[in-house]
Protein backbone atom coordinates (compact mmCIF):
# COMPACT_ATOMS: atom_id res chain seq x y z
CA MET A 1 219.86 117.45 106.28
CA ILE A 2 221.83 117.57 103.49
CA GLU A 3 225.15 116.23 102.97
CA THR A 4 227.67 118.26 101.49
CA PRO A 5 231.25 116.95 100.60
CA ARG A 6 234.15 118.02 102.80
CA GLU A 7 236.89 119.70 101.60
CA ALA A 8 240.60 117.85 102.02
CA PRO A 9 242.04 119.42 104.97
CA ARG A 10 245.86 119.46 103.68
CA ALA A 11 245.04 121.83 100.99
CA ARG A 12 247.00 124.85 100.52
CA LEU A 13 245.22 128.12 101.79
CA LEU A 14 245.59 129.77 98.68
CA GLU A 15 245.07 127.53 95.83
CA GLY A 16 242.13 127.52 93.65
CA PRO A 17 239.26 129.29 93.37
CA ALA A 18 238.91 129.34 97.08
CA GLY A 19 242.36 130.73 97.32
CA ARG A 20 241.69 133.85 94.46
CA ALA A 21 238.39 134.46 96.38
CA LEU A 22 240.32 134.86 99.74
CA VAL A 23 242.92 137.12 98.34
CA VAL A 24 240.50 139.33 96.52
CA LEU A 25 238.23 139.64 99.84
CA THR A 26 241.25 140.13 101.90
CA ALA A 27 242.74 142.70 99.69
CA ILE A 28 239.11 144.84 99.68
CA ASN A 29 239.12 144.00 103.17
CA LEU A 30 242.52 145.87 103.60
CA LEU A 31 240.88 148.84 101.62
CA ASN A 32 237.81 148.86 104.04
CA TYR A 33 239.98 149.76 106.73
CA LEU A 34 242.41 152.07 104.90
CA ASP A 35 239.41 154.06 103.93
CA ARG A 36 238.04 154.11 107.38
CA TYR A 37 241.04 155.88 109.23
CA VAL A 38 242.49 157.71 106.15
CA VAL A 39 240.04 160.87 107.36
CA SER A 40 241.22 160.50 110.95
CA ALA A 41 244.79 161.65 109.15
CA LEU A 42 243.21 164.71 107.37
CA PHE A 43 241.42 165.84 110.98
CA GLU A 44 243.64 168.81 111.20
CA SER A 45 243.23 169.71 107.30
CA LEU A 46 239.59 169.15 107.38
CA ARG A 47 239.46 171.62 110.34
CA ALA A 48 241.23 174.33 108.84
CA ASP A 49 239.87 174.38 105.33
CA LEU A 50 236.26 173.66 106.09
CA TRP A 51 236.30 175.44 109.55
CA LEU A 52 234.95 172.34 111.25
CA THR A 53 234.80 172.07 114.98
CA ASP A 54 236.00 168.87 117.00
CA THR A 55 232.50 167.67 117.29
CA ARG A 56 231.62 167.79 113.81
CA LEU A 57 235.17 166.00 113.09
CA GLY A 58 233.96 163.32 115.65
CA LEU A 59 230.41 163.04 113.54
CA LEU A 60 231.83 162.27 110.19
CA GLY A 61 233.17 158.78 112.04
CA THR A 62 229.79 158.59 114.11
CA GLY A 63 227.71 159.12 110.94
CA PHE A 64 229.49 156.00 109.18
CA ILE A 65 228.99 154.02 111.89
CA VAL A 66 225.20 154.73 112.34
CA VAL A 67 224.70 154.13 108.59
CA TYR A 68 226.88 151.10 108.59
CA MET A 69 224.79 149.54 111.59
CA VAL A 70 221.58 150.31 110.35
CA ALA A 71 222.09 149.36 106.54
CA SER A 72 223.72 145.93 107.67
CA PRO A 73 220.59 143.97 108.38
CA VAL A 74 218.95 145.00 105.30
CA PHE A 75 222.22 143.60 103.44
CA GLY A 76 222.06 140.37 105.65
CA VAL A 77 218.57 139.74 104.20
CA LEU A 78 219.92 140.55 100.56
CA GLY A 79 222.82 138.30 101.07
CA ASP A 80 221.07 135.26 102.10
CA ARG A 81 218.61 135.50 99.28
CA ARG A 82 220.03 136.84 96.49
CA PRO A 83 223.18 136.05 94.12
CA ARG A 84 226.47 137.37 96.32
CA LEU A 85 228.85 138.32 94.03
CA PRO A 86 226.75 141.16 92.44
CA LEU A 87 225.86 142.40 95.89
CA LEU A 88 229.40 142.29 97.06
CA ALA A 89 230.89 144.33 93.88
CA LEU A 90 227.56 146.71 94.38
CA GLY A 91 228.76 147.36 97.94
CA VAL A 92 232.78 148.21 97.36
CA GLY A 93 231.69 150.29 93.94
CA ILE A 94 229.32 152.34 96.27
CA TRP A 95 231.71 152.85 99.07
CA SER A 96 234.71 153.61 96.75
CA VAL A 97 232.45 156.33 94.53
CA ALA A 98 231.51 157.79 98.23
CA THR A 99 235.12 157.99 99.00
CA VAL A 100 236.34 159.67 95.76
CA LEU A 101 233.27 161.99 95.72
CA SER A 102 234.19 163.12 99.56
CA GLY A 103 237.39 164.82 97.54
CA PHE A 104 235.13 167.09 96.23
CA ALA A 105 233.19 168.11 99.43
CA ARG A 106 232.72 171.68 99.40
CA GLY A 107 231.21 171.90 102.72
CA TYR A 108 230.94 170.00 106.06
CA TRP A 109 227.46 168.54 104.92
CA THR A 110 228.37 167.13 101.74
CA LEU A 111 231.71 165.55 103.47
CA LEU A 112 229.07 164.04 105.88
CA ALA A 113 226.80 162.81 103.26
CA GLY A 114 229.79 161.25 101.35
CA ARG A 115 231.14 159.48 104.50
CA ALA A 116 227.88 158.52 105.52
CA ALA A 117 227.23 156.61 102.27
CA VAL A 118 230.58 154.66 102.85
CA GLY A 119 228.87 152.85 105.43
CA ILE A 120 226.04 151.88 103.11
CA GLY A 121 228.83 150.17 100.47
CA GLU A 122 230.87 148.82 103.92
CA ALA A 123 227.51 147.06 105.44
CA ALA A 124 226.94 145.07 101.99
CA TYR A 125 230.57 144.05 102.19
CA GLY A 126 230.93 143.14 105.88
CA THR A 127 227.90 141.25 106.19
CA ILE A 128 228.47 138.85 103.17
CA SER A 129 232.08 138.02 102.99
CA PRO A 130 232.19 136.36 106.22
CA GLY A 131 229.88 133.68 104.84
CA LEU A 132 231.30 133.50 101.38
CA ILE A 133 234.53 132.32 102.72
CA ALA A 134 233.32 129.96 105.14
CA ASP A 135 231.43 128.59 102.03
CA HIS A 136 235.08 128.25 100.64
CA PHE A 137 236.58 126.76 103.49
CA GLY A 138 235.52 123.92 105.38
CA PRO A 139 235.61 124.03 109.68
CA GLU A 140 238.97 122.51 108.87
CA ARG A 141 240.91 125.53 107.39
CA ARG A 142 238.41 128.13 108.32
CA GLY A 143 240.44 129.56 111.42
CA ARG A 144 243.27 129.90 109.02
CA ALA A 145 241.26 131.56 106.33
CA TYR A 146 239.82 134.08 108.82
CA ALA A 147 243.10 134.79 110.04
CA PHE A 148 244.24 135.70 106.77
CA PHE A 149 241.37 137.90 106.17
CA PHE A 150 241.24 139.86 109.25
CA ALA A 151 244.95 140.09 109.04
CA ALA A 152 244.16 142.99 106.88
CA ILE A 153 242.70 145.15 109.51
CA PRO A 154 245.56 146.46 111.25
CA VAL A 155 247.61 146.52 107.90
CA GLY A 156 244.75 148.45 106.51
CA ALA A 157 244.12 150.85 109.81
CA ALA A 158 248.30 151.46 109.44
CA LEU A 159 247.94 152.55 105.77
CA GLY A 160 245.00 154.50 106.00
CA TYR A 161 247.09 156.73 108.49
CA ALA A 162 250.20 156.58 106.77
CA VAL A 163 248.34 157.22 102.86
CA GLY A 164 246.43 160.11 104.62
CA GLY A 165 249.40 161.68 106.26
CA ILE A 166 251.71 161.53 102.94
CA VAL A 167 249.47 162.28 100.50
CA ASP A 168 247.73 165.40 102.36
CA ARG A 169 251.23 166.99 103.29
CA THR A 170 251.92 166.46 99.54
CA LEU A 171 248.91 166.96 97.48
CA GLY A 172 246.13 167.86 99.76
CA TRP A 173 243.45 166.35 101.70
CA ARG A 174 241.29 166.16 98.44
CA ALA A 175 243.69 163.91 96.88
CA ALA A 176 243.90 161.21 99.85
CA PHE A 177 240.14 160.58 99.26
CA PHE A 178 240.94 160.04 95.42
CA PHE A 179 243.80 157.74 96.75
CA ALA A 180 241.74 155.88 98.77
CA GLY A 181 238.93 155.11 97.02
CA ALA A 182 239.82 154.66 93.15
CA PRO A 183 241.66 151.20 93.76
CA GLY A 184 237.91 150.03 95.03
CA LEU A 185 236.54 150.33 91.73
CA VAL A 186 239.01 147.56 90.19
CA LEU A 187 238.48 145.36 93.04
CA ALA A 188 234.51 145.68 92.73
CA LEU A 189 235.07 144.36 89.03
CA LEU A 190 237.36 141.74 90.38
CA CYS A 191 234.65 140.45 92.75
CA LEU A 192 232.37 139.56 89.86
CA ARG A 193 234.96 137.08 88.22
CA LEU A 194 235.15 135.17 91.82
CA THR A 195 233.31 131.59 92.66
CA ASP A 196 230.33 131.99 93.95
CA PRO A 197 229.74 128.57 95.86
CA PRO A 198 226.42 126.92 96.89
CA ARG A 199 225.60 128.09 100.43
CA GLY A 200 226.82 125.42 102.94
CA ALA A 201 229.16 123.84 100.30
CA ALA A 202 232.12 123.39 102.60
CA GLU A 203 230.21 121.69 105.57
CA SER A 204 229.89 117.88 106.16
CA THR A 205 226.44 118.20 107.39
CA TRP A 206 223.88 121.09 107.81
CA ALA A 207 220.16 122.15 107.33
CA ILE A 208 220.77 124.04 104.37
CA ALA A 209 217.32 125.23 103.63
CA ARG A 210 215.61 128.35 104.74
CA THR A 211 212.32 128.44 106.57
CA GLY A 212 209.96 131.08 107.24
CA GLY A 213 210.49 134.97 106.72
CA VAL A 214 213.06 137.45 107.78
CA ALA A 215 211.34 137.87 111.13
CA ALA A 216 211.50 133.85 111.79
CA THR A 217 215.46 134.26 110.80
CA TYR A 218 215.75 136.70 113.58
CA ARG A 219 213.75 135.13 115.95
CA ARG A 220 215.76 131.81 115.41
CA PHE A 221 218.92 133.96 116.13
CA LEU A 222 217.65 135.05 119.50
CA ALA A 223 216.84 131.62 120.45
CA ASN A 224 219.75 130.34 119.57
CA ARG A 225 221.92 130.72 122.80
CA PRO A 226 225.47 129.93 121.58
CA TYR A 227 224.95 132.61 118.79
CA VAL A 228 223.75 134.99 121.25
CA LEU A 229 226.36 134.25 123.92
CA THR A 230 229.03 134.84 121.09
CA VAL A 231 227.69 137.88 119.93
CA LEU A 232 227.33 139.16 123.56
CA GLY A 233 230.91 138.51 124.57
CA TYR A 234 231.89 140.11 120.88
CA ALA A 235 229.99 143.38 121.88
CA ALA A 236 232.20 143.65 125.07
CA TYR A 237 234.87 142.88 123.44
CA THR A 238 234.27 145.68 120.69
CA PHE A 239 233.43 148.03 123.98
CA ALA A 240 237.06 147.42 125.22
CA VAL A 241 239.16 147.54 121.85
CA GLY A 242 236.85 150.83 120.79
CA GLY A 243 237.81 152.81 123.93
CA MET A 244 241.25 151.39 123.83
CA SER A 245 241.91 152.72 120.50
CA TRP A 246 240.32 155.72 120.79
CA TRP A 247 242.26 157.01 123.96
CA MET A 248 245.19 155.04 124.57
CA PRO A 249 247.50 157.67 122.71
CA ALA A 250 245.72 160.56 124.53
CA PHE A 251 246.30 158.46 127.76
CA LEU A 252 250.05 157.80 126.97
CA GLU A 253 250.29 161.61 126.47
CA ARG A 254 248.20 163.06 129.75
CA THR A 255 249.19 160.24 132.38
CA ARG A 256 252.49 159.14 131.15
CA GLY A 257 254.22 162.24 129.49
CA VAL A 258 254.88 161.05 126.43
CA PRO A 259 255.04 163.73 123.47
CA ARG A 260 251.87 163.34 121.31
CA THR A 261 254.01 162.84 117.91
CA VAL A 262 255.81 159.64 119.70
CA ALA A 263 252.29 158.54 121.31
CA THR A 264 250.42 158.22 118.04
CA VAL A 265 253.68 156.77 116.50
CA GLN A 266 254.24 154.02 119.23
CA PHE A 267 250.50 153.35 119.53
CA GLY A 268 250.12 152.70 115.81
CA ALA A 269 253.33 150.62 115.44
CA ILE A 270 252.09 148.20 118.34
CA VAL A 271 248.78 147.97 116.97
CA PHE A 272 250.22 147.00 113.28
CA ALA A 273 252.35 144.56 114.73
CA THR A 274 250.43 142.86 117.23
CA GLY A 275 247.33 143.36 114.88
CA PHE A 276 249.20 141.03 112.19
CA LEU A 277 250.73 138.56 114.23
CA GLY A 278 247.82 138.35 117.17
CA THR A 279 245.32 137.78 114.32
CA PHE A 280 246.97 135.00 112.58
CA ALA A 281 248.04 133.24 115.87
CA GLY A 282 244.48 133.23 117.09
CA GLY A 283 243.14 131.53 113.75
CA TYR A 284 245.97 129.36 113.36
CA LEU A 285 245.77 127.92 117.23
CA ALA A 286 242.08 127.43 116.88
CA ASP A 287 242.51 125.30 114.06
CA ALA A 288 245.09 123.28 115.75
CA LEU A 289 242.89 122.86 118.56
CA ARG A 290 239.67 121.99 116.44
CA ARG A 291 240.49 118.03 116.66
CA ARG A 292 240.33 118.01 120.38
CA PHE A 293 237.96 120.82 121.20
CA LYS A 294 234.48 121.40 119.85
CA GLU A 295 234.49 124.77 120.69
CA ALA A 296 238.00 125.69 119.85
CA ASP A 297 237.13 129.03 118.31
CA LEU A 298 235.51 130.35 121.62
CA TRP A 299 238.07 128.68 123.99
CA VAL A 300 240.74 130.54 122.10
CA CYS A 301 238.49 133.66 122.42
CA GLY A 302 237.93 133.50 125.73
CA ALA A 303 241.47 132.56 127.22
CA SER A 304 243.17 135.09 125.07
CA ALA A 305 240.50 137.70 126.40
CA LEU A 306 240.84 136.63 130.10
CA ALA A 307 244.67 136.82 129.92
CA ALA A 308 244.87 140.62 128.07
CA VAL A 309 242.93 141.81 131.38
CA PRO A 310 246.37 141.52 133.70
CA ALA A 311 248.19 143.04 130.95
CA ILE A 312 245.99 145.94 130.68
CA LEU A 313 245.82 146.80 134.26
CA VAL A 314 249.62 146.67 134.15
CA VAL A 315 249.83 149.48 131.18
CA LEU A 316 247.20 151.52 133.27
CA MET A 317 248.79 151.09 136.52
CA THR A 318 252.63 151.29 135.93
CA TRP A 319 254.55 154.43 135.28
CA ARG A 320 257.85 152.54 133.76
CA PRO A 321 258.24 153.20 130.18
CA GLY A 322 259.55 149.99 129.66
CA LEU A 323 257.32 147.94 131.76
CA TYR A 324 254.18 149.50 129.99
CA LEU A 325 255.16 149.47 126.52
CA ALA A 326 256.04 145.61 127.00
CA ALA A 327 252.29 144.93 128.78
CA LEU A 328 250.44 147.16 126.19
CA VAL A 329 252.20 144.78 123.13
CA LEU A 330 251.01 141.39 125.12
CA ALA A 331 247.70 142.97 125.81
CA GLN A 332 247.19 144.19 122.19
CA LEU A 333 248.25 140.52 120.94
CA MET A 334 245.96 138.83 123.30
CA LEU A 335 243.22 141.00 122.04
CA PHE A 336 243.72 140.26 118.26
CA ALA A 337 244.19 136.43 119.02
CA SER A 338 240.01 136.90 118.93
CA THR A 339 239.40 138.52 115.58
CA GLY A 340 239.39 135.24 113.64
CA PRO A 341 237.90 132.76 115.94
CA VAL A 342 235.23 134.74 117.03
CA ASN A 343 233.72 135.43 112.95
CA ALA A 344 234.60 131.78 112.79
CA ALA A 345 232.23 130.77 115.57
CA ILE A 346 229.45 132.94 114.47
CA VAL A 347 229.21 131.59 111.30
CA ALA A 348 229.16 127.78 112.77
CA GLU A 349 226.53 128.26 114.95
CA VAL A 350 223.97 129.19 112.03
CA PRO A 351 222.51 127.33 109.10
CA PRO A 352 224.52 128.35 105.86
CA ALA A 353 221.64 129.79 104.25
CA GLU A 354 221.30 132.68 107.06
CA ARG A 355 224.71 133.38 107.35
CA ALA A 356 224.50 137.09 106.01
CA SER A 357 221.67 137.73 108.51
CA ALA A 358 223.36 136.53 111.34
CA VAL A 359 226.66 138.48 110.54
CA ALA A 360 224.43 141.26 110.16
CA LEU A 361 222.75 141.13 113.38
CA SER A 362 226.09 140.62 114.98
CA ILE A 363 227.46 144.02 113.34
CA LEU A 364 224.69 145.72 114.40
CA THR A 365 225.02 144.43 118.02
CA ILE A 366 228.92 144.89 118.42
CA HIS A 367 228.59 148.47 117.47
CA LEU A 368 225.48 149.63 119.12
CA LEU A 369 226.77 148.16 122.60
CA GLY A 370 230.46 148.53 121.51
CA ASP A 371 232.43 150.91 120.34
CA VAL A 372 229.77 153.41 119.55
CA PRO A 373 229.31 154.07 123.28
CA SER A 374 232.78 153.19 124.79
CA PRO A 375 234.65 156.55 123.41
CA TRP A 376 231.98 158.67 124.57
CA LEU A 377 231.61 156.75 128.18
CA ILE A 378 235.51 157.15 128.78
CA GLY A 379 235.24 160.84 127.89
CA PHE A 380 232.08 161.68 129.95
CA ILE A 381 233.97 159.71 133.02
CA SER A 382 237.24 161.83 132.08
CA ASP A 383 235.52 164.94 132.31
CA ARG A 384 234.07 164.10 135.93
CA SER A 385 237.27 162.64 136.83
CA SER A 386 240.51 162.07 135.17
CA LEU A 387 241.22 160.22 132.10
CA GLY A 388 243.47 157.97 134.18
CA ARG A 389 240.61 156.68 135.72
CA ALA A 390 238.36 156.44 133.01
CA VAL A 391 240.15 153.85 131.05
CA PHE A 392 239.47 151.27 133.45
CA VAL A 393 236.54 150.44 132.28
CA VAL A 394 238.47 148.90 129.14
CA PRO A 395 240.01 146.06 131.43
CA VAL A 396 236.13 145.51 133.19
CA ALA A 397 234.70 145.31 129.59
CA THR A 398 237.60 142.66 128.49
CA LEU A 399 236.96 140.58 131.66
CA VAL A 400 233.47 140.34 130.74
CA ALA A 401 234.30 139.41 127.29
CA GLY A 402 236.64 136.52 128.48
CA LEU A 403 233.61 135.29 130.72
CA ILE A 404 231.05 135.14 128.65
CA TRP A 405 233.05 133.37 125.82
CA THR A 406 234.72 130.94 128.30
CA TRP A 407 231.04 130.30 129.52
CA ALA A 408 229.76 129.83 126.05
CA ALA A 409 232.57 127.23 125.03
CA TRP A 410 232.18 125.49 128.26
CA ARG A 411 228.34 124.68 127.72
CA GLY A 412 229.01 124.10 123.94
CA GLU A 413 231.86 121.19 124.93
CA ARG A 414 228.98 120.27 127.80
CA ALA A 415 226.26 119.69 125.22
CA ALA A 416 228.81 118.20 122.72
CA ARG A 417 229.44 115.79 125.48
CA ALA A 418 226.00 114.92 126.32
CA GLN A 419 225.21 114.33 122.43
CA ARG A 420 227.88 111.91 122.10
CA GLY A 421 226.83 110.07 125.41
CA ALA A 422 223.42 109.94 123.88
CA ALA A 423 224.21 108.39 120.56
CA ARG A 424 226.70 105.51 122.28
CA ALA A 425 223.42 104.51 124.35
CA ALA A 426 221.43 104.59 121.35
CA SER A 427 223.84 102.43 119.46
């Protein structure tokens, strides 16, 4: 075990090198999700200009996710064994160039190649940045740091729709890719000016050294019960959120009679507001509970997921607009509350020298079991019954996530009590 100094718990979040790193990484995360969602705003123009079918439009997203999943373990290994800032800059640069080149696409296959290449760049950034933030911020402030970082997701998604739609209408769909990709080249250069702290620098006590090769690292992850339970809960959560975000506007239109434009705008506005507030609330609540509960992150994840289940059921079962819209706001708030704490839990459950690999395995698992199959499965069930019935897989998956996280939190607290009892007995 190597002793490393703990940070001052009352230090301001955005002060010093850690604060600068958090601001730059959050800006990149915002651009990350703007780039992911900008293509959705261009669907109709792409279909008309490149003569694309809906299947091919859908495969633009699938191609990105598949490459993102496959490339993540590669960059996870590199992120644990190589200097992190050059890898971050490389990743942001690759996805920015790929996005800009998408604007020059002359046909479907060149556009698909561009969107798939974005997955390579985002795999580098997505695997390395959580561990880098953890090394800047100790456990006392990590929940708030992750809340700040992950609040960029709903903001970036909303901006993706807005930027894509506005630029498409005024300058065309090609210009929308230029606007989405060009800022990333500046942010890639800023990555090189950040501070890369030693792995584990913000921990009080951790085994910093890495033992064995890549296979040994992943075997340790699979034998790490708290990590496995956290990731499995995250996969069920991603299944629910992925299915809900994909199908909710269509559900509101088909089953509640909401006009298409209103349904899209309503749901987008709800995601923006609840994502921002819910992400911050979850991170700050986890930090507030940390002095009392060792597994504060997982308690917040489990409780918020379980609280979301009845709210989702109200959304799916009532026809009164005031009631189902209020329930949708509550459900989204509860779902987004897990975003920061679950990532804080993942990095806390593994050694600092293996965090990029742990995040990489998590990314692979949650997408493979989560938002890759869930939109398709809901559509499959809908074709054989109705969308109103198919969407009930969302609260079921949310319930599974809440139960897994709550079970993991209870096991962790019980183990911590046993260790304290053993320590007292030994002394």
